[in-house]
């Protein structure tokens, strides 16, 4: 019911604005028709395929990047950490969600994405103290171009002096040859 209301609202707003519906609105109308006729699976598939095609047109970006208190359980299933001050020996765990990630057809109905993460550790003045290319490398393979992509990055800074630092992560979409980055300031306590 909620999906039908959202579909009606999107189609209604496009019509009221005098704008051509476009692929998302067209797919929403098809999904609504399928849902109304009792084809819930067909409605879901039509909406999911349209959203995947739309997401592929978005700039490659980080949707969410947050320090977390433990390893995430699934997409959107994480516990944000209270603050960014870490005790000596405490690992820095970052939860990351991506949008606009590219996928390629690898045959037999399967899709694949791949991204790598480069790391720079900077002091508060911006000087690079440590760097590592391909700090992480992630490949996802499946029968759909999944849009709920997440990972977690764990950094051990044992032995670093107390003080203020900045993590600079660069994420490389190796399929689409696109790059995005984000930074996380943090403090190491005494």
N, C-alpha and C. Protein backbone atom coordinates (compact mmCIF):
# COMPACT_ATOMS: atom_id res chain seq x y z
N UNK A 1 0.82 -1.19 0.00
CA UNK A 1 0.00 0.00 0.00
C UNK A 1 0.87 1.26 0.00
N UNK A 2 1.91 1.25 0.83
CA UNK A 2 2.83 2.40 0.90
C UNK A 2 3.49 2.62 -0.46
N UNK A 3 3.90 1.51 -1.14
CA UNK A 3 4.54 1.64 -2.45
C UNK A 3 3.55 2.24 -3.45
N UNK A 4 2.29 1.82 -3.40
CA UNK A 4 1.30 2.36 -4.33
C UNK A 4 1.12 3.86 -4.13
N UNK A 5 1.09 4.31 -2.88
CA UNK A 5 0.94 5.74 -2.61
C UNK A 5 2.14 6.51 -3.15
N UNK A 6 3.35 5.98 -2.93
CA UNK A 6 4.56 6.65 -3.42
C UNK A 6 4.57 6.72 -4.94
N UNK A 7 4.15 5.63 -5.58
CA UNK A 7 4.10 5.59 -7.04
C UNK A 7 3.08 6.61 -7.55
N UNK A 8 1.90 6.63 -6.94
CA UNK A 8 0.87 7.59 -7.36
C UNK A 8 1.35 9.02 -7.16
N UNK A 9 2.01 9.30 -6.05
CA UNK A 9 2.51 10.63 -5.78
C UNK A 9 3.55 11.03 -6.83
N UNK A 10 4.49 10.13 -7.15
CA UNK A 10 5.53 10.45 -8.13
C UNK A 10 4.94 10.70 -9.51
N UNK A 11 4.01 9.85 -9.93
CA UNK A 11 3.38 10.02 -11.23
C UNK A 11 2.52 11.28 -11.24
N UNK A 12 1.79 11.51 -10.15
CA UNK A 12 0.94 12.70 -10.05
C UNK A 12 1.73 13.98 -10.08
N UNK A 13 2.84 14.05 -9.36
CA UNK A 13 3.67 15.24 -9.35
C UNK A 13 4.26 15.51 -10.74
N UNK A 14 4.70 14.45 -11.42
CA UNK A 14 5.26 14.62 -12.76
C UNK A 14 4.19 15.14 -13.72
N UNK A 15 2.99 14.61 -13.62
CA UNK A 15 1.90 15.05 -14.51
C UNK A 15 1.50 16.49 -14.20
N UNK A 16 1.42 16.81 -12.91
CA UNK A 16 1.03 18.17 -12.51
C UNK A 16 2.05 19.20 -12.96
N UNK A 17 3.30 18.81 -12.98
CA UNK A 17 4.37 19.73 -13.37
C UNK A 17 4.48 19.84 -14.88
N UNK A 18 3.73 19.02 -15.62
CA UNK A 18 3.80 19.07 -17.08
C UNK A 18 5.10 18.50 -17.60
N UNK A 19 5.70 17.60 -16.84
CA UNK A 19 6.98 17.01 -17.21
C UNK A 19 6.73 15.62 -17.75
N UNK A 20 7.50 15.23 -18.76
CA UNK A 20 7.41 13.86 -19.23
C UNK A 20 7.79 12.94 -18.10
N UNK A 21 7.12 11.82 -18.00
CA UNK A 21 7.29 10.93 -16.86
C UNK A 21 8.72 10.45 -16.70
N UNK A 22 9.34 9.94 -17.73
CA UNK A 22 10.70 9.43 -17.61
C UNK A 22 10.72 7.98 -17.17
N UNK A 23 11.90 7.35 -17.23
CA UNK A 23 12.01 5.92 -16.96
C UNK A 23 11.59 5.50 -15.55
N UNK A 24 11.91 6.29 -14.53
CA UNK A 24 11.51 5.91 -13.17
C UNK A 24 10.00 5.96 -13.01
N UNK A 25 9.39 7.03 -13.47
CA UNK A 25 7.93 7.15 -13.36
C UNK A 25 7.24 6.08 -14.22
N UNK A 26 7.79 5.80 -15.40
CA UNK A 26 7.23 4.75 -16.25
C UNK A 26 7.29 3.40 -15.53
N UNK A 27 8.43 3.11 -14.94
CA UNK A 27 8.59 1.85 -14.21
C UNK A 27 7.67 1.81 -13.00
N UNK A 28 7.51 2.95 -12.33
CA UNK A 28 6.61 3.00 -11.18
C UNK A 28 5.18 2.70 -11.61
N UNK A 29 4.78 3.23 -12.76
CA UNK A 29 3.42 2.97 -13.27
C UNK A 29 3.25 1.49 -13.59
N UNK A 30 4.26 0.89 -14.20
CA UNK A 30 4.21 -0.55 -14.50
C UNK A 30 4.15 -1.34 -13.20
N UNK A 31 4.97 -0.97 -12.22
CA UNK A 31 4.96 -1.66 -10.93
C UNK A 31 3.59 -1.55 -10.27
N UNK A 32 3.00 -0.37 -10.36
CA UNK A 32 1.67 -0.19 -9.76
C UNK A 32 0.63 -1.06 -10.47
N UNK A 33 0.70 -1.13 -11.80
CA UNK A 33 -0.24 -1.97 -12.54
C UNK A 33 -0.07 -3.43 -12.15
N UNK A 34 1.18 -3.87 -12.05
CA UNK A 34 1.43 -5.27 -11.68
C UNK A 34 0.94 -5.55 -10.26
N UNK A 35 1.18 -4.61 -9.36
CA UNK A 35 0.72 -4.78 -7.98
C UNK A 35 -0.79 -4.85 -7.91
N UNK A 36 -1.46 -3.95 -8.63
CA UNK A 36 -2.93 -3.92 -8.64
C UNK A 36 -3.52 -5.21 -9.20
N UNK A 37 -2.78 -5.85 -10.11
CA UNK A 37 -3.28 -7.09 -10.70
C UNK A 37 -2.88 -8.32 -9.88
N UNK A 38 -2.22 -8.07 -8.75
CA UNK A 38 -1.85 -9.19 -7.87
C UNK A 38 -0.47 -9.76 -8.12
N UNK A 39 0.29 -9.15 -9.02
CA UNK A 39 1.64 -9.64 -9.34
C UNK A 39 2.67 -8.88 -8.49
N UNK A 40 2.73 -9.21 -7.21
CA UNK A 40 3.64 -8.52 -6.29
C UNK A 40 5.11 -8.69 -6.70
N UNK A 41 5.47 -9.90 -7.10
CA UNK A 41 6.86 -10.15 -7.50
C UNK A 41 7.21 -9.36 -8.75
N UNK A 42 6.32 -9.33 -9.73
CA UNK A 42 6.55 -8.55 -10.94
C UNK A 42 6.66 -7.07 -10.65
N UNK A 43 5.82 -6.59 -9.72
CA UNK A 43 5.86 -5.17 -9.32
C UNK A 43 7.20 -4.86 -8.68
N UNK A 44 7.63 -5.72 -7.79
CA UNK A 44 8.91 -5.51 -7.10
C UNK A 44 10.06 -5.51 -8.10
N UNK A 45 10.08 -6.48 -9.00
CA UNK A 45 11.15 -6.59 -10.00
C UNK A 45 11.20 -5.37 -10.91
N UNK A 46 10.05 -4.89 -11.35
CA UNK A 46 10.01 -3.71 -12.22
C UNK A 46 10.59 -2.50 -11.50
N UNK A 47 10.21 -2.30 -10.25
CA UNK A 47 10.72 -1.17 -9.48
C UNK A 47 12.21 -1.33 -9.20
N UNK A 48 12.64 -2.53 -8.84
CA UNK A 48 14.06 -2.77 -8.52
C UNK A 48 14.96 -2.57 -9.74
N UNK A 49 14.53 -3.08 -10.90
CA UNK A 49 15.33 -2.91 -12.11
C UNK A 49 15.42 -1.45 -12.52
N UNK A 50 14.32 -0.72 -12.37
CA UNK A 50 14.33 0.70 -12.72
C UNK A 50 15.25 1.47 -11.77
N UNK A 51 15.19 1.13 -10.49
CA UNK A 51 16.04 1.83 -9.53
C UNK A 51 17.51 1.53 -9.79
N UNK A 52 17.84 0.29 -10.13
CA UNK A 52 19.23 -0.07 -10.43
C UNK A 52 19.73 0.70 -11.66
N UNK A 53 18.89 0.81 -12.68
CA UNK A 53 19.28 1.57 -13.87
C UNK A 53 19.47 3.05 -13.53
N UNK A 54 18.58 3.59 -12.70
CA UNK A 54 18.70 4.98 -12.27
C UNK A 54 19.96 5.19 -11.44
N UNK A 55 20.22 4.30 -10.49
CA UNK A 55 21.39 4.43 -9.62
C UNK A 55 22.67 4.43 -10.42
N UNK A 56 22.70 3.70 -11.53
CA UNK A 56 23.90 3.64 -12.37
C UNK A 56 24.20 5.00 -13.01
N UNK A 57 23.22 5.90 -13.05
CA UNK A 57 23.45 7.21 -13.64
C UNK A 57 23.91 8.24 -12.61
N UNK A 58 23.87 7.88 -11.33
CA UNK A 58 24.26 8.81 -10.27
C UNK A 58 25.78 8.92 -10.17
N UNK A 59 26.27 10.06 -9.73
CA UNK A 59 27.72 10.17 -9.49
C UNK A 59 28.13 9.18 -8.40
N UNK A 60 29.27 8.58 -8.56
CA UNK A 60 29.81 7.66 -7.56
C UNK A 60 30.08 8.45 -6.30
N UNK A 61 29.45 8.07 -5.20
CA UNK A 61 29.52 8.85 -3.97
C UNK A 61 29.46 7.96 -2.73
N UNK A 62 29.89 8.54 -1.63
CA UNK A 62 29.73 7.91 -0.33
C UNK A 62 28.44 8.45 0.27
N UNK A 63 27.50 7.56 0.53
CA UNK A 63 26.23 7.97 1.14
C UNK A 63 26.38 8.12 2.64
N UNK A 64 27.07 7.17 3.26
CA UNK A 64 27.25 7.16 4.70
C UNK A 64 28.68 6.74 5.01
N UNK A 65 29.33 7.45 5.92
CA UNK A 65 30.64 7.06 6.43
C UNK A 65 30.68 7.49 7.89
N UNK A 66 30.72 6.53 8.77
CA UNK A 66 30.62 6.83 10.20
C UNK A 66 31.44 5.83 11.01
N UNK A 67 32.10 6.33 12.06
CA UNK A 67 32.75 5.43 12.98
C UNK A 67 31.67 4.62 13.70
N UNK A 68 31.91 3.33 13.86
CA UNK A 68 30.95 2.45 14.53
C UNK A 68 31.61 1.76 15.71
N UNK A 69 30.76 1.28 16.63
CA UNK A 69 31.29 0.67 17.85
C UNK A 69 31.61 -0.81 17.68
N UNK A 70 31.09 -1.43 16.63
CA UNK A 70 31.40 -2.83 16.36
C UNK A 70 31.18 -3.13 14.88
N UNK A 71 31.56 -4.31 14.47
CA UNK A 71 31.42 -4.70 13.07
C UNK A 71 29.94 -4.70 12.67
N UNK A 72 29.59 -4.03 11.54
CA UNK A 72 28.19 -4.00 11.10
C UNK A 72 27.68 -5.41 10.78
N UNK A 73 26.39 -5.60 10.98
CA UNK A 73 25.77 -6.91 10.75
C UNK A 73 25.25 -7.05 9.31
N UNK A 74 24.84 -5.93 8.71
CA UNK A 74 24.28 -5.93 7.35
C UNK A 74 24.16 -4.48 6.91
N UNK A 75 23.67 -4.27 5.69
CA UNK A 75 23.45 -2.92 5.18
C UNK A 75 22.48 -2.19 6.11
N UNK A 76 22.91 -1.03 6.60
CA UNK A 76 22.07 -0.23 7.49
C UNK A 76 21.99 -0.76 8.91
N UNK A 77 22.66 -1.86 9.20
CA UNK A 77 22.60 -2.48 10.54
C UNK A 77 23.93 -2.27 11.25
N UNK A 78 24.08 -1.07 11.79
CA UNK A 78 25.32 -0.70 12.46
C UNK A 78 25.00 0.15 13.68
N UNK A 79 25.97 0.25 14.59
CA UNK A 79 25.81 1.08 15.77
C UNK A 79 26.82 2.22 15.69
N UNK A 80 26.33 3.46 15.46
CA UNK A 80 27.27 4.59 15.40
C UNK A 80 28.02 4.71 16.72
N UNK A 81 29.28 5.05 16.61
CA UNK A 81 30.12 5.24 17.79
C UNK A 81 29.86 6.62 18.36
N UNK A 82 29.88 6.72 19.66
CA UNK A 82 29.69 8.01 20.32
C UNK A 82 31.01 8.76 20.31
N UNK A 83 31.14 9.68 19.38
CA UNK A 83 32.35 10.50 19.29
C UNK A 83 33.45 9.87 18.46
N UNK A 84 34.55 10.62 18.33
CA UNK A 84 35.67 10.16 17.51
C UNK A 84 36.99 10.21 18.28
N UNK A 85 36.91 10.04 19.60
CA UNK A 85 38.11 9.94 20.43
C UNK A 85 38.32 8.47 20.78
N UNK A 86 39.54 7.99 20.51
CA UNK A 86 39.85 6.57 20.68
C UNK A 86 40.94 6.36 21.73
N UNK A 87 40.78 5.33 22.52
CA UNK A 87 41.79 4.96 23.51
C UNK A 87 42.95 4.26 22.83
N UNK A 88 44.13 4.26 23.46
CA UNK A 88 45.28 3.54 22.87
C UNK A 88 44.93 2.07 22.61
N UNK A 89 45.29 1.60 21.43
CA UNK A 89 45.04 0.20 21.07
C UNK A 89 43.63 -0.09 20.57
N UNK A 90 42.72 0.87 20.64
CA UNK A 90 41.36 0.66 20.19
C UNK A 90 41.30 0.79 18.66
N UNK A 91 40.73 -0.19 17.96
CA UNK A 91 40.65 -0.09 16.49
C UNK A 91 39.64 0.96 16.05
N UNK A 92 39.92 1.57 14.92
CA UNK A 92 39.00 2.53 14.30
C UNK A 92 38.20 1.78 13.24
N UNK A 93 36.91 1.61 13.48
CA UNK A 93 36.06 0.88 12.55
C UNK A 93 35.10 1.88 11.90
N UNK A 94 35.11 1.92 10.57
CA UNK A 94 34.26 2.82 9.80
C UNK A 94 33.27 2.01 8.97
N UNK A 95 31.99 2.37 9.07
CA UNK A 95 30.93 1.79 8.24
C UNK A 95 30.75 2.72 7.04
N UNK A 96 30.70 2.14 5.82
CA UNK A 96 30.62 2.93 4.59
C UNK A 96 29.53 2.37 3.68
N UNK A 97 28.65 3.26 3.18
CA UNK A 97 27.68 2.91 2.15
C UNK A 97 28.00 3.71 0.90
N UNK A 98 27.87 3.07 -0.26
CA UNK A 98 28.18 3.71 -1.54
C UNK A 98 26.93 3.82 -2.41
N UNK A 99 26.90 4.85 -3.27
CA UNK A 99 25.87 4.94 -4.31
C UNK A 99 26.57 5.19 -5.65
N UNK A 100 25.91 4.78 -6.72
CA UNK A 100 26.46 5.00 -8.05
C UNK A 100 27.58 4.05 -8.43
N UNK A 101 27.70 2.94 -7.73
CA UNK A 101 28.74 1.95 -8.03
C UNK A 101 28.41 1.25 -9.35
N UNK A 102 29.42 1.06 -10.18
CA UNK A 102 29.22 0.43 -11.50
C UNK A 102 29.23 -1.09 -11.38
N UNK A 103 28.46 -1.71 -12.26
CA UNK A 103 28.37 -3.16 -12.35
C UNK A 103 28.65 -3.56 -13.80
N UNK A 104 29.17 -4.78 -13.97
CA UNK A 104 29.36 -5.30 -15.33
C UNK A 104 28.76 -6.70 -15.41
N UNK A 105 28.31 -7.03 -16.60
CA UNK A 105 27.77 -8.36 -16.86
C UNK A 105 28.94 -9.31 -17.01
N UNK A 106 28.94 -10.40 -16.24
CA UNK A 106 30.04 -11.38 -16.34
C UNK A 106 29.56 -12.72 -16.90
N UNK A 107 28.36 -12.73 -17.46
CA UNK A 107 27.84 -13.94 -18.09
C UNK A 107 27.00 -14.76 -17.13
N UNK A 108 26.24 -15.70 -17.71
CA UNK A 108 25.37 -16.60 -16.96
C UNK A 108 24.38 -15.84 -16.08
N UNK A 109 24.02 -14.60 -16.51
CA UNK A 109 23.06 -13.81 -15.76
C UNK A 109 23.62 -13.09 -14.56
N UNK A 110 24.92 -13.15 -14.36
CA UNK A 110 25.52 -12.55 -13.17
C UNK A 110 26.10 -11.16 -13.46
N UNK A 111 26.08 -10.34 -12.41
CA UNK A 111 26.64 -8.99 -12.43
C UNK A 111 27.78 -8.95 -11.42
N UNK A 112 28.73 -8.03 -11.66
CA UNK A 112 29.85 -7.91 -10.72
C UNK A 112 30.28 -6.46 -10.59
N UNK A 113 30.59 -6.07 -9.36
CA UNK A 113 31.18 -4.77 -9.09
C UNK A 113 32.49 -5.01 -8.34
N UNK A 114 33.36 -4.03 -8.40
CA UNK A 114 34.62 -4.12 -7.67
C UNK A 114 35.07 -2.72 -7.32
N UNK A 115 35.45 -2.54 -6.05
CA UNK A 115 36.04 -1.26 -5.66
C UNK A 115 37.18 -1.51 -4.69
N UNK A 116 38.12 -0.61 -4.72
CA UNK A 116 39.25 -0.67 -3.79
C UNK A 116 39.28 0.62 -2.98
N UNK A 117 39.95 0.55 -1.84
CA UNK A 117 40.01 1.70 -0.93
C UNK A 117 41.48 2.00 -0.65
N UNK A 118 41.87 3.25 -0.88
CA UNK A 118 43.21 3.72 -0.55
C UNK A 118 43.11 4.53 0.74
N UNK A 119 44.16 4.48 1.54
CA UNK A 119 44.15 5.12 2.85
C UNK A 119 45.31 6.10 2.98
N UNK A 120 45.01 7.26 3.55
CA UNK A 120 46.06 8.20 3.99
C UNK A 120 45.73 8.59 5.42
N UNK A 121 46.75 8.56 6.26
CA UNK A 121 46.62 9.03 7.64
C UNK A 121 47.38 10.35 7.70
N UNK A 122 46.66 11.43 8.08
CA UNK A 122 47.26 12.76 8.11
C UNK A 122 47.26 13.32 9.53
N UNK A 123 48.20 14.22 9.79
CA UNK A 123 48.14 14.95 11.05
C UNK A 123 47.18 16.11 10.87
N UNK A 124 46.94 16.87 11.96
CA UNK A 124 45.95 17.95 11.87
C UNK A 124 46.35 19.07 10.92
N UNK A 125 47.64 19.16 10.57
CA UNK A 125 48.10 20.17 9.61
C UNK A 125 47.96 19.68 8.16
N UNK A 126 47.56 18.41 7.99
CA UNK A 126 47.36 17.87 6.65
C UNK A 126 48.55 17.10 6.08
N UNK A 127 49.63 16.98 6.85
CA UNK A 127 50.79 16.22 6.38
C UNK A 127 50.48 14.73 6.42
N UNK A 128 50.80 14.04 5.33
CA UNK A 128 50.55 12.60 5.24
C UNK A 128 51.60 11.86 6.07
N UNK A 129 51.13 11.11 7.06
CA UNK A 129 52.02 10.35 7.95
C UNK A 129 52.18 8.91 7.48
N UNK A 130 51.14 8.38 6.86
CA UNK A 130 51.16 7.00 6.36
C UNK A 130 50.16 6.90 5.22
N UNK A 131 50.44 6.02 4.27
CA UNK A 131 49.53 5.82 3.14
C UNK A 131 49.61 4.36 2.69
N UNK A 132 48.49 3.87 2.20
CA UNK A 132 48.47 2.51 1.67
C UNK A 132 47.46 2.43 0.53
N UNK A 133 47.95 2.10 -0.66
CA UNK A 133 47.08 1.83 -1.80
C UNK A 133 46.40 0.48 -1.56
N UNK A 134 45.17 0.36 -2.02
CA UNK A 134 44.39 -0.86 -1.88
C UNK A 134 44.41 -1.38 -0.45
N UNK A 135 44.15 -0.48 0.50
CA UNK A 135 43.98 -0.85 1.90
C UNK A 135 42.90 -1.93 2.00
N UNK A 136 41.91 -1.84 1.11
CA UNK A 136 40.86 -2.85 1.01
C UNK A 136 40.49 -3.02 -0.45
N UNK A 137 40.06 -4.23 -0.81
CA UNK A 137 39.62 -4.52 -2.17
C UNK A 137 38.39 -5.41 -2.06
N UNK A 138 37.29 -4.98 -2.68
CA UNK A 138 36.00 -5.64 -2.48
C UNK A 138 35.35 -5.96 -3.82
N UNK A 139 34.92 -7.20 -3.98
CA UNK A 139 34.22 -7.64 -5.18
C UNK A 139 32.88 -8.22 -4.76
N UNK A 140 31.83 -7.79 -5.45
CA UNK A 140 30.49 -8.31 -5.21
C UNK A 140 30.00 -8.93 -6.51
N UNK A 141 29.51 -10.17 -6.43
CA UNK A 141 29.01 -10.89 -7.60
C UNK A 141 27.64 -11.44 -7.26
N UNK A 142 26.69 -11.26 -8.17
CA UNK A 142 25.35 -11.78 -7.93
C UNK A 142 24.50 -11.68 -9.18
N UNK A 143 23.25 -12.06 -9.02
CA UNK A 143 22.31 -12.04 -10.14
C UNK A 143 21.62 -10.70 -10.32
N UNK A 144 21.90 -9.75 -9.41
CA UNK A 144 21.34 -8.40 -9.53
C UNK A 144 22.44 -7.39 -9.25
N UNK A 145 22.27 -6.20 -9.82
CA UNK A 145 23.19 -5.09 -9.53
C UNK A 145 22.70 -4.45 -8.23
N UNK A 146 23.08 -5.06 -7.13
CA UNK A 146 22.61 -4.66 -5.81
C UNK A 146 22.92 -3.19 -5.52
N UNK A 147 21.97 -2.48 -4.97
CA UNK A 147 22.17 -1.08 -4.63
C UNK A 147 22.43 -0.86 -3.16
N UNK A 148 22.35 -1.91 -2.37
CA UNK A 148 22.62 -1.81 -0.94
C UNK A 148 24.02 -2.34 -0.66
N UNK A 149 25.01 -1.57 -1.11
CA UNK A 149 26.41 -1.96 -0.96
C UNK A 149 27.01 -1.23 0.23
N UNK A 150 27.64 -2.00 1.09
CA UNK A 150 28.32 -1.41 2.24
C UNK A 150 29.59 -2.22 2.51
N UNK A 151 30.45 -1.63 3.28
CA UNK A 151 31.61 -2.34 3.79
C UNK A 151 31.99 -1.70 5.11
N UNK A 152 32.93 -2.32 5.78
CA UNK A 152 33.51 -1.67 6.95
C UNK A 152 35.02 -1.72 6.80
N UNK A 153 35.66 -0.68 7.30
CA UNK A 153 37.12 -0.56 7.23
C UNK A 153 37.63 -0.49 8.66
N UNK A 154 38.63 -1.30 8.97
CA UNK A 154 39.18 -1.34 10.32
C UNK A 154 40.64 -0.95 10.26
N UNK A 155 41.01 0.05 11.05
CA UNK A 155 42.37 0.54 11.08
C UNK A 155 42.92 0.43 12.50
N UNK A 156 44.11 -0.14 12.62
CA UNK A 156 44.81 -0.26 13.90
C UNK A 156 45.92 0.79 13.91
N UNK A 157 45.84 1.73 14.83
CA UNK A 157 46.84 2.79 14.93
C UNK A 157 47.68 2.64 16.21
N UNK A 158 47.81 1.41 16.68
CA UNK A 158 48.60 1.15 17.86
C UNK A 158 50.01 1.70 17.67
N UNK A 159 50.49 2.41 18.68
CA UNK A 159 51.83 2.98 18.63
C UNK A 159 51.87 4.42 18.17
N UNK A 160 50.77 4.92 17.62
CA UNK A 160 50.74 6.33 17.20
C UNK A 160 50.67 7.22 18.44
N UNK A 161 51.26 8.39 18.35
CA UNK A 161 51.26 9.34 19.46
C UNK A 161 49.84 9.87 19.70
N UNK A 162 49.51 10.20 20.93
CA UNK A 162 48.23 10.86 21.19
C UNK A 162 48.15 12.16 20.39
N UNK A 163 46.93 12.53 19.99
CA UNK A 163 46.75 13.78 19.25
C UNK A 163 45.62 13.69 18.26
N UNK A 164 45.51 14.72 17.43
CA UNK A 164 44.45 14.82 16.43
C UNK A 164 44.96 14.38 15.06
N UNK A 165 44.15 13.60 14.38
CA UNK A 165 44.51 13.04 13.08
C UNK A 165 43.30 13.12 12.14
N UNK A 166 43.56 12.83 10.86
CA UNK A 166 42.50 12.74 9.86
C UNK A 166 42.75 11.50 9.01
N UNK A 167 41.71 10.68 8.89
CA UNK A 167 41.74 9.55 7.95
C UNK A 167 41.19 10.06 6.62
N UNK A 168 41.91 9.82 5.56
CA UNK A 168 41.43 10.17 4.21
C UNK A 168 41.34 8.87 3.43
N UNK A 169 40.11 8.47 3.12
CA UNK A 169 39.87 7.26 2.34
C UNK A 169 39.48 7.66 0.92
N UNK A 170 40.12 7.07 -0.08
CA UNK A 170 39.76 7.24 -1.48
C UNK A 170 39.18 5.91 -1.96
N UNK A 171 37.99 5.96 -2.52
CA UNK A 171 37.33 4.74 -2.99
C UNK A 171 37.32 4.76 -4.51
N UNK A 172 37.84 3.70 -5.09
CA UNK A 172 38.01 3.56 -6.53
C UNK A 172 37.01 2.54 -7.08
N UNK A 173 36.08 3.00 -7.91
CA UNK A 173 35.16 2.10 -8.60
C UNK A 173 35.95 1.53 -9.77
N UNK A 174 36.43 0.32 -9.63
CA UNK A 174 37.33 -0.27 -10.63
C UNK A 174 36.61 -0.73 -11.90
N UNK A 175 35.29 -0.87 -11.84
CA UNK A 175 34.52 -1.22 -13.03
C UNK A 175 34.22 0.05 -13.84
N UNK A 176 33.74 1.09 -13.17
CA UNK A 176 33.35 2.32 -13.85
C UNK A 176 34.46 3.35 -13.96
N UNK A 177 35.64 3.03 -13.40
CA UNK A 177 36.78 3.95 -13.44
C UNK A 177 36.40 5.32 -12.86
N UNK A 178 35.72 5.29 -11.69
CA UNK A 178 35.32 6.50 -11.00
C UNK A 178 35.94 6.51 -9.61
N UNK A 179 36.05 7.70 -9.04
CA UNK A 179 36.69 7.85 -7.73
C UNK A 179 35.86 8.78 -6.86
N UNK A 180 35.79 8.47 -5.58
CA UNK A 180 35.20 9.37 -4.58
C UNK A 180 36.04 9.24 -3.31
N UNK A 181 35.90 10.20 -2.41
CA UNK A 181 36.71 10.20 -1.20
C UNK A 181 35.93 10.79 -0.03
N UNK A 182 36.39 10.49 1.17
CA UNK A 182 35.84 11.10 2.37
C UNK A 182 36.92 11.14 3.44
N UNK A 183 36.71 12.01 4.42
CA UNK A 183 37.66 12.14 5.52
C UNK A 183 36.95 11.98 6.85
N UNK A 184 37.70 11.47 7.83
CA UNK A 184 37.19 11.32 9.19
C UNK A 184 38.23 11.83 10.18
N UNK A 185 37.99 12.98 10.78
CA UNK A 185 38.89 13.44 11.83
C UNK A 185 38.70 12.56 13.07
N UNK A 186 39.77 12.34 13.82
CA UNK A 186 39.68 11.57 15.06
C UNK A 186 40.81 11.99 15.99
N UNK A 187 40.66 11.62 17.25
CA UNK A 187 41.65 11.93 18.28
C UNK A 187 42.11 10.65 18.95
N UNK A 188 43.41 10.51 19.13
CA UNK A 188 43.95 9.42 19.93
C UNK A 188 44.22 9.97 21.33
N UNK A 189 43.64 9.32 22.32
CA UNK A 189 43.79 9.75 23.70
C UNK A 189 45.09 9.22 24.30
N UNK A 190 45.50 9.82 25.41
CA UNK A 190 46.71 9.36 26.13
C UNK A 190 46.43 8.11 26.92
